[in-house]
Amino acid sequence: MGDDGREENEKKRKVGGLKTMPFILANDFCDRFATTGFNANMITYLTEQLHMPLVQASNTLTNFGGTACLTPVIGGLIADSFAGRFWTITIGSLFYQLGMISLTLSAVLPALRPKACKPTETCEKPSPLHLWILYISLFLTAIGSGGLRPCVVAFGADQFEMGHSKKSNQSGKYFNWYYFCMGLAALTALTVVVYIQDNVGWGWGLGLPAMAMGLSVVVFVIGYPLYRILKPAGSPFTRLVQVIVAAIRKKNAIRPSDPNLLYQSRELDDAICYTGRLVHTDQLKFFDRAAIVTQDDNLQSGPPNLWRISTVHRVEELKSIIRMLPIWSTGILLVTASSHQNSFAIQQAKTMNRHLSPTFQIPAATMSIFNVLTVLIGIVIYDRLFVPIIRRFTGNPSGITYLQRMGIGLAVAVISTAVSALVEIKRKKVAVDHGLIDDPHAQIPISVFWLIPQYSLHGVADTFMTVGHLEFLYDQAPESMRSTASALFWLAISAGNYLNTLVVALIHRYSGKKENWLPDTNLNEGRLENYYWFVTVLQVVNLVYYIVCAWFYTYKPLVTVDPDDPPEGTVDNGQVELVGNGTCKDVVGCHVDGGEGKGNGDVGVEVV
């Protein structure tokens, strides 16, 4: 390799790595502090400040949550196509900031919200103006989420070049650190911001997160010279469609028995693979037709028509995404099962004894800290205790695979929801015993700490499922589509929110008027436990579906090249050409470990 290659390697070593983490994690901390403080107690703001009925307020939040998790798909495509992750994060943060400022103004200016309720009068309903301000504010934050959510995790992971097999264990550690930092920010918001909202005022309660969001933008931009910024490689959606179209156009072509005869081009693929290339797999063979070379392709006369022929790498990109979809879809029902639980749990907490002393009581929304605390403690135990012990038995540097980690999380989520139903039965029994079932504002003499088990179990589920899901999507996605793949995580949450809105609306409408499962005003007269049991059944079905999908899942086969290897030219045995600087080259004779295994661990590579 010449001087240019060595200079390029030296330049790469000067950017990225641990030195970028203070800027990225500080930005993420402020961002999560702002979003958690903004959203954690929003059900209280809508019901007590805007005087919305409980079900309408809950559905408003899940619809907003669904939209905020749908926009990341657009943001991920923009980042991967032309804008890059850095600028997508920056612009998205500014939109989020505008939404937070507008909602803060509605909380500060009396004309922008309904008048306060008087004890002897019916509460004034929100006017169309009040609702428009609310919806515009939430929409702006949803647009901002589209820039932040698909890019933040992937941008941080990019700093470590985690596509290399030698650094596979570093990937798991990064996602654990990232989620720990986010949990710490959420914990701070749930204790500080929620207290301010309940005891000081909503102006400061929403203004403080807005200021934190502004600080996050400044910190993130300051670190620009240190970041390892990958160039966008063109629209991944277009490439996927091109493969599909080319395969359909060649549906009658004869597929060669030797996959090495399929079309490959290092010039075409160089911009979309940074650490190596995907190699051919025998699954989804129909799409291999896109890489069949025919006389009509005229490859000798100029650049190929990508709507007629695609390289093996591009075909395998599509196969990787399709293989991921069944595993990804399990997150939809998980969200469907849990997205309303936070809203309903807050309403449960409001009816329970929250006093720590005669003069101080815990804000209902602050109970979520037990979820966050469990995540923080769980991640430390997982990384420092669980993984070192388990790896002795499994031989896996990460202890267990992320597929196994996700399965454990889904199983714990089932237990969490079942416990929620049992606690609700206990709460209502105490209300009946003390004659408080007809009083929606009465404080039932049962400690709010009865809710700790369901919050903590949900935190354990997050420790396994959520972190594992993020790592799975990042690791198994094609390198040029990682923002888009991260957006799939939020797309699952979006679909789950919308589906749960439909489920709750149907239950509220058809579960009866006398003993409605989810009443608008008096939770004591409802049958919330029946809703929890219904959700538990959904989660069991989802867990069985996941086990089947994980059993048959095939890890993507990736030939990787480590830039830390000495750049001593090329390794050539007549078939293999690997260049030490990580440039994508033609790779034919590499042995790929784990490429065809079923749930058997990370992919490894050795050059033969």
Foldseek 3Di string as FASTA:
>chain_A
DDPVLVVVLVVLVQFFDPVLCVLLLLLLLLLLLLVLLQPLCVLVCCCQFQVDFNLVSLLVSLLLLLLLLQLLLVQLQCQQAADNLLVLLLVLLVLLLVLLVLVLVLFVDPVLGFDGDDPVDDGDHGDPSNVVSNVSSSVSNSNSSNSNQLRSLVQNVVSVVCLDPVCVLVLLVSLLVSLLSSLVSSLVSLQPLLCCCVPPGSSCSSVVSSVSSVVSSVSNVVSVVRGDTQGRDRRLVVLLVLLVLQLVVQQVPDDDPDLVQFDADLVSCQNQFQFFAFDDDPPPCSSSSQRHDDPVQPVVVDPGDSSNHDHRRSSLLNVLVVLCVLLLLLLQLLLLLPVCVSSVQLLLLQQAFQDPDPVDGRRSSSLLSLLSVLLNVVSCCQVPPQQVVQCVVQVANSSAALLVLQLVLLVLLLVLLLLVLVLLVVQLVQCVVVVNLPPQNHRRHDYSCSNSVSSNSNSSSCNRNVSSQLSCQQNSRRPSSSSSSSSSNSVSSSSNSVVSSVVVVVQQVPVDDQARQDDRGHNSSHVVSVSSVVSSVSSVVSSVSSVVSQQQRFGGFTDGAALVPPQPAFDCPPAATDGNNSRYDDGDQWDKPRRGHRSSHDIDTDRD
